[in-house]
Amino acid sequence: MRVLRIPCLLAAVALQLGAQPEGWTRPFPGHRVIGNLYAVGTHDLGVFLITSNDGHILINTALSESTPLIRRNIESLGFRMDDIRILLSMQAHWDHTAALAEIKRTTGARMWATAGDAPVLEDGGFSDPHFGGRESFEPVEVDRILADGEVIELGDTRLTVIEAPGHTAGSCSYAMTVREGGREYRVVIANMGTINRGKRLVVDPTYPGVAEDFAKTFRRQKAMKVDVWVAAHGSQYGLHSKYRPGQAYSPDTFVDPEGFLAAVERLEGLYLRQLEAERR
């Protein structure tokens, strides 16, 4: 089992201090995760391309200046950014959404989001109950609201929406099945239940029901059958311990069911400790 370092506070610190971790902007080569799932983000910010025979899906975008890097990574893998048809996000925080509006304009892709995150995406983070009160990224119009359990279909790709609220009110994961070498792999692009610094769960909660949202997310994630998983930050899913730039592709590189469960249980432990501390 791999032991992962999960950064719970980086986004909060960056927003509050006007700084950002170096790994958020450092280039990292695009690479195939498994099947038609590719990582095209930075050293630490997870941006994922899911390809199909009828255009592609892009999940997350990293920072506002990351568009050229994402484009280069996509092209290095033999695909075109202009073939993106659907834009998705895992959480409506600026470090994962800031280039959505630009990529939407340049590609003509449609932005789809959950009901919980759509208002935050459309006002550029202003209504975010934790970091709001100002615009932290360029607003992006949402073209369709996604529901829990909905299956996104594009060409031969089938991607299931799994709500994972808590980190944001509308944060979500996406699941699909990949078949390679006579084996099926259960793949999840997972939004992890991290608690940013200053978030309140039960005493003057950051938003109503946030504690229950986290509990639901941990319960659902612990019950999931996962073979391969990635997350919004490379450091959350052990990217750099699993993959080295240039290494040969293998569908087993990111197979890590035990690591997924360990990561969820670790975050749930932090959540339970904060609940206890707030109730004292």
Protein backbone atom coordinates (compact mmCIF):
# COMPACT_ATOMS: atom_id res chain seq x y z
CA MET A 1 0.00 0.00 0.00
CA ARG A 2 1.33 3.43 -0.94
CA VAL A 3 1.38 6.13 1.72
CA LEU A 4 0.24 9.42 0.20
CA ARG A 5 0.76 12.99 1.29
CA ILE A 6 -2.55 14.82 0.96
CA PRO A 7 -2.40 18.64 0.96
CA CYS A 8 -5.50 19.97 2.72
CA LEU A 9 -4.44 23.60 3.12
CA LEU A 10 -2.62 24.74 -0.03
CA ALA A 11 -5.58 26.33 -1.81
CA ALA A 12 -6.64 28.17 1.35
CA VAL A 13 -3.16 29.52 1.99
CA ALA A 14 -2.75 30.62 -1.63
CA LEU A 15 -6.05 32.48 -1.64
CA GLN A 16 -5.47 34.18 1.68
CA LEU A 17 -1.83 35.15 1.15
CA GLY A 18 -1.85 35.79 -2.60
CA ALA A 19 0.75 33.06 -3.10
CA GLN A 20 0.65 29.77 -4.92
CA PRO A 21 2.73 26.61 -4.65
CA GLU A 22 5.42 26.29 -7.30
CA GLY A 23 4.07 22.90 -8.37
CA TRP A 24 0.85 24.51 -9.56
CA THR A 25 2.62 26.21 -12.45
CA ARG A 26 5.56 23.88 -13.06
CA PRO A 27 5.14 22.01 -16.36
CA PHE A 28 4.74 18.26 -16.32
CA PRO A 29 4.54 16.01 -19.41
CA GLY A 30 1.14 14.84 -20.54
CA HIS A 31 0.77 11.09 -20.15
CA ARG A 32 -1.70 8.27 -20.51
CA VAL A 33 -3.21 7.13 -17.22
CA ILE A 34 -5.22 4.21 -18.55
CA GLY A 35 -7.32 3.54 -21.63
CA ASN A 36 -8.66 6.83 -22.97
CA LEU A 37 -7.86 8.80 -19.79
CA TYR A 38 -4.86 11.15 -19.98
CA ALA A 39 -3.30 13.58 -17.51
CA VAL A 40 -2.55 16.96 -19.15
CA GLY A 41 -2.07 19.27 -16.17
CA THR A 42 0.83 20.71 -14.23
CA HIS A 43 3.23 19.09 -11.77
CA ASP A 44 0.55 19.14 -9.05
CA LEU A 45 -2.75 20.36 -10.51
CA GLY A 46 -4.75 17.54 -12.04
CA VAL A 47 -6.23 18.25 -15.48
CA PHE A 48 -7.64 15.22 -17.28
CA LEU A 49 -8.52 14.54 -20.91
CA ILE A 50 -10.95 11.76 -21.77
CA THR A 51 -10.92 11.04 -25.47
CA SER A 52 -13.65 9.60 -27.67
CA ASN A 53 -14.41 9.00 -31.33
CA ASP A 54 -16.70 12.06 -31.27
CA GLY A 55 -14.57 14.65 -29.49
CA HIS A 56 -13.13 14.88 -26.01
CA ILE A 57 -13.95 15.77 -22.41
CA LEU A 58 -11.66 18.02 -20.32
CA ILE A 59 -11.90 17.89 -16.54
CA ASN A 60 -10.43 20.92 -14.67
CA THR A 61 -8.04 23.51 -16.10
CA ALA A 62 -5.53 24.63 -13.44
CA LEU A 63 -4.67 28.37 -13.30
CA SER A 64 -5.56 31.11 -15.75
CA GLU A 65 -2.09 31.06 -17.32
CA SER A 66 -2.16 27.27 -17.77
CA THR A 67 -4.00 27.13 -21.10
CA PRO A 68 -0.84 27.00 -23.29
CA LEU A 69 0.64 24.27 -21.10
CA ILE A 70 -2.56 22.22 -21.30
CA ARG A 71 -2.67 22.67 -25.06
CA ARG A 72 0.94 21.52 -25.44
CA ASN A 73 0.29 18.46 -23.33
CA ILE A 74 -2.80 17.55 -25.31
CA GLU A 75 -0.98 17.98 -28.62
CA SER A 76 2.03 15.98 -27.39
CA LEU A 77 -0.34 13.04 -26.94
CA GLY A 78 -1.63 13.29 -30.49
CA PHE A 79 -4.93 15.09 -29.79
CA ARG A 80 -6.28 18.59 -30.43
CA MET A 81 -7.65 21.01 -27.86
CA ASP A 82 -10.12 22.20 -30.48
CA ASP A 83 -11.76 18.76 -30.37
CA ILE A 84 -12.86 19.24 -26.74
CA ARG A 85 -16.67 19.12 -26.65
CA ILE A 86 -17.44 19.05 -22.91
CA LEU A 87 -15.82 20.88 -19.99
CA LEU A 88 -16.22 19.54 -16.44
CA SER A 89 -14.88 20.53 -13.05
CA MET A 90 -14.34 18.56 -9.87
CA GLN A 91 -14.61 21.55 -7.51
CA ALA A 92 -15.33 25.24 -8.04
CA HIS A 93 -12.06 26.60 -6.65
CA TRP A 94 -9.84 28.91 -8.69
CA ASP A 95 -6.84 26.57 -8.81
CA HIS A 96 -8.95 24.12 -10.85
CA THR A 97 -11.28 26.43 -12.78
CA ALA A 98 -9.45 29.62 -13.75
CA ALA A 99 -8.97 28.78 -17.44
CA LEU A 100 -12.41 27.28 -18.06
CA ALA A 101 -13.86 30.46 -19.58
CA GLU A 102 -10.92 30.90 -21.98
CA ILE A 103 -10.96 27.27 -23.12
CA LYS A 104 -14.74 27.44 -23.55
CA ARG A 105 -14.36 30.48 -25.81
CA THR A 106 -11.55 29.06 -27.92
CA THR A 107 -12.98 25.55 -28.39
CA GLY A 108 -16.72 26.13 -28.36
CA ALA A 109 -17.03 23.36 -25.74
CA ARG A 110 -20.04 23.23 -23.43
CA MET A 111 -19.59 23.70 -19.68
CA TRP A 112 -21.43 21.18 -17.52
CA ALA A 113 -21.53 21.34 -13.72
CA THR A 114 -23.45 20.25 -10.64
CA ALA A 115 -26.18 22.44 -9.16
CA GLY A 116 -24.01 23.10 -6.10
CA ASP A 117 -21.03 24.44 -8.05
CA ALA A 118 -22.73 26.09 -11.03
CA PRO A 119 -23.48 29.45 -9.31
CA VAL A 120 -19.87 29.72 -8.10
CA LEU A 121 -18.54 29.00 -11.59
CA GLU A 122 -20.86 31.60 -13.10
CA ASP A 123 -19.87 34.41 -10.71
CA GLY A 124 -16.14 33.63 -10.71
CA GLY A 125 -16.04 32.40 -7.13
CA PHE A 126 -17.84 35.41 -5.63
CA SER A 127 -20.59 33.29 -4.01
CA ASP A 128 -18.24 30.62 -2.68
CA PRO A 129 -19.25 30.30 1.00
CA HIS A 130 -15.65 29.86 2.12
CA PHE A 131 -13.44 31.94 -0.19
CA GLY A 132 -16.08 34.21 -1.72
CA GLY A 133 -16.80 37.90 -1.52
CA ARG A 134 -14.59 38.62 -4.52
CA GLU A 135 -14.06 37.29 -8.01
CA SER A 136 -11.13 34.85 -7.95
CA PHE A 137 -11.37 33.55 -11.54
CA GLU A 138 -13.05 34.52 -14.79
CA PRO A 139 -16.75 33.56 -14.64
CA VAL A 140 -17.85 30.80 -16.99
CA GLU A 141 -21.41 30.18 -18.18
CA VAL A 142 -22.78 26.75 -17.30
CA ASP A 143 -24.71 25.16 -20.15
CA ARG A 144 -26.08 22.10 -18.36
CA ILE A 145 -26.67 21.01 -14.77
CA LEU A 146 -25.44 17.53 -13.90
CA ALA A 147 -27.21 15.22 -11.45
CA ASP A 148 -25.76 12.56 -9.19
CA GLY A 149 -25.63 9.23 -11.05
CA GLU A 150 -26.07 10.82 -14.46
CA VAL A 151 -24.12 9.18 -17.27
CA ILE A 152 -22.30 11.57 -19.60
CA GLU A 153 -22.14 10.08 -23.09
CA LEU A 154 -19.78 11.27 -25.79
CA GLY A 155 -19.00 8.96 -28.67
CA ASP A 156 -17.95 5.65 -27.15
CA THR A 157 -17.25 7.15 -23.71
CA ARG A 158 -19.54 6.68 -20.72
CA LEU A 159 -18.72 8.72 -17.62
CA THR A 160 -20.82 8.57 -14.44
CA VAL A 161 -21.22 11.62 -12.19
CA ILE A 162 -20.73 10.90 -8.48
CA GLU A 163 -21.48 13.76 -6.12
CA ALA A 164 -18.74 14.25 -3.49
CA PRO A 165 -19.81 17.39 -1.60
CA GLY A 166 -18.04 18.95 1.33
CA HIS A 167 -14.88 20.39 -0.16
CA THR A 168 -17.32 22.54 -2.13
CA ALA A 169 -21.10 22.26 -2.05
CA GLY A 170 -21.11 20.79 -5.56
CA SER A 171 -17.79 18.98 -5.80
CA CYS A 172 -17.98 15.67 -7.62
CA SER A 173 -16.08 12.69 -8.96
CA TYR A 174 -16.41 10.84 -12.26
CA ALA A 175 -16.26 7.09 -12.82
CA MET A 176 -15.87 4.90 -15.88
CA THR A 177 -14.86 1.37 -16.84
CA VAL A 178 -11.87 0.72 -19.07
CA ARG A 179 -11.15 -2.62 -20.71
CA GLU A 180 -7.58 -3.53 -21.62
CA GLY A 181 -5.80 -6.82 -22.10
CA GLY A 182 -8.91 -8.83 -21.35
CA ARG A 183 -9.44 -7.09 -18.01
CA GLU A 184 -11.87 -4.44 -16.83
CA TYR A 185 -10.51 -1.59 -14.71
CA ARG A 186 -12.81 0.53 -12.55
CA VAL A 187 -11.49 4.08 -12.91
CA VAL A 188 -12.37 7.11 -10.77
CA ILE A 189 -11.39 10.74 -11.19
CA ALA A 190 -11.91 11.38 -7.49
CA ASN A 191 -12.58 14.61 -5.67
CA MET A 192 -11.18 14.03 -2.20
CA GLY A 193 -12.80 15.27 1.00
CA THR A 194 -10.11 17.70 2.10
CA ILE A 195 -11.00 20.42 4.61
CA ASN A 196 -9.42 23.78 3.84
CA ARG A 197 -8.08 25.86 6.68
CA GLY A 198 -10.80 27.96 8.31
CA LYS A 199 -13.67 25.78 7.15
CA ARG A 200 -16.29 25.27 9.88
CA LEU A 201 -18.36 22.11 10.10
CA VAL A 202 -20.91 22.44 12.91
CA VAL A 203 -20.30 25.68 14.81
CA ASP A 204 -21.36 28.52 12.49
CA PRO A 205 -20.87 26.11 9.53
CA THR A 206 -19.33 27.43 6.34
CA TYR A 207 -22.51 26.39 4.58
CA PRO A 208 -25.62 24.61 5.92
CA GLY A 209 -25.20 20.86 5.90
CA VAL A 210 -21.46 20.82 5.22
CA ALA A 211 -20.74 18.27 7.96
CA GLU A 212 -23.38 15.93 6.58
CA ASP A 213 -22.01 16.42 3.08
CA PHE A 214 -18.53 15.32 4.13
CA ALA A 215 -19.95 12.31 5.97
CA LYS A 216 -21.90 11.27 2.87
CA THR A 217 -18.81 11.61 0.68
CA PHE A 218 -16.61 9.51 2.97
CA ARG A 219 -19.31 6.85 3.29
CA ARG A 220 -19.78 6.61 -0.46
CA GLN A 221 -16.09 6.62 -1.28
CA LYS A 222 -15.30 3.87 1.21
CA ALA A 223 -17.94 1.70 -0.46
CA MET A 224 -16.64 2.26 -3.99
CA LYS A 225 -14.86 -0.47 -5.91
CA VAL A 226 -11.84 1.28 -7.42
CA ASP A 227 -8.88 -0.07 -9.36
CA VAL A 228 -7.35 3.12 -10.80
CA TRP A 229 -7.79 6.58 -9.35
CA VAL A 230 -6.55 10.09 -9.90
CA ALA A 231 -7.45 13.30 -8.08
CA ALA A 232 -7.44 17.08 -8.33
CA HIS A 233 -3.84 17.26 -7.08
CA GLY A 234 -1.05 14.95 -8.17
CA SER A 235 0.20 14.87 -4.59
CA GLN A 236 -3.16 13.49 -3.48
CA TYR A 237 -2.91 10.33 -5.59
CA GLY A 238 0.84 9.81 -5.49
CA LEU A 239 1.44 10.82 -9.10
CA HIS A 240 5.19 11.26 -8.73
CA SER A 241 5.74 7.98 -6.92
CA LYS A 242 3.73 6.07 -9.51
CA TYR A 243 4.84 7.71 -12.74
CA ARG A 244 8.14 9.09 -14.02
CA PRO A 245 8.20 11.18 -17.22
CA GLY A 246 8.97 9.02 -20.22
CA GLN A 247 8.25 5.68 -18.63
CA ALA A 248 6.52 3.10 -20.82
CA TYR A 249 2.75 2.93 -20.66
CA SER A 250 1.17 0.15 -18.63
CA PRO A 251 -2.48 -0.05 -17.60
CA ASP A 252 -1.31 -1.15 -14.17
CA THR A 253 0.79 1.96 -13.40
CA PHE A 254 -2.00 3.67 -11.48
CA VAL A 255 -3.74 0.60 -10.09
CA ASP A 256 -4.01 1.40 -6.38
CA PRO A 257 -7.27 0.33 -4.66
CA GLU A 258 -5.65 0.12 -1.23
CA GLY A 259 -4.16 3.59 -1.60
CA PHE A 260 -7.57 5.03 -2.44
CA LEU A 261 -9.19 3.54 0.64
CA ALA A 262 -6.28 4.66 2.83
CA ALA A 263 -6.55 8.22 1.50
CA VAL A 264 -10.29 8.36 2.15
CA GLU A 265 -9.92 6.94 5.66
CA ARG A 266 -7.14 9.39 6.47
CA LEU A 267 -9.26 12.35 5.43
CA GLU A 268 -12.25 10.99 7.32
CA GLY A 269 -10.08 10.80 10.44
CA LEU A 270 -9.15 14.47 10.08
CA TYR A 271 -12.83 15.31 9.62
CA LEU A 272 -13.86 13.40 12.77
CA ARG A 273 -11.15 15.13 14.79
CA GLN A 274 -12.34 18.54 13.65
CA LEU A 275 -15.95 17.64 14.49
CA GLU A 276 -14.85 16.69 17.98
CA ALA A 277 -12.81 19.87 18.41
CA GLU A 278 -15.67 22.12 17.27
CA ARG A 279 -18.15 20.45 19.65
CA ARG A 280 -16.02 20.92 22.77
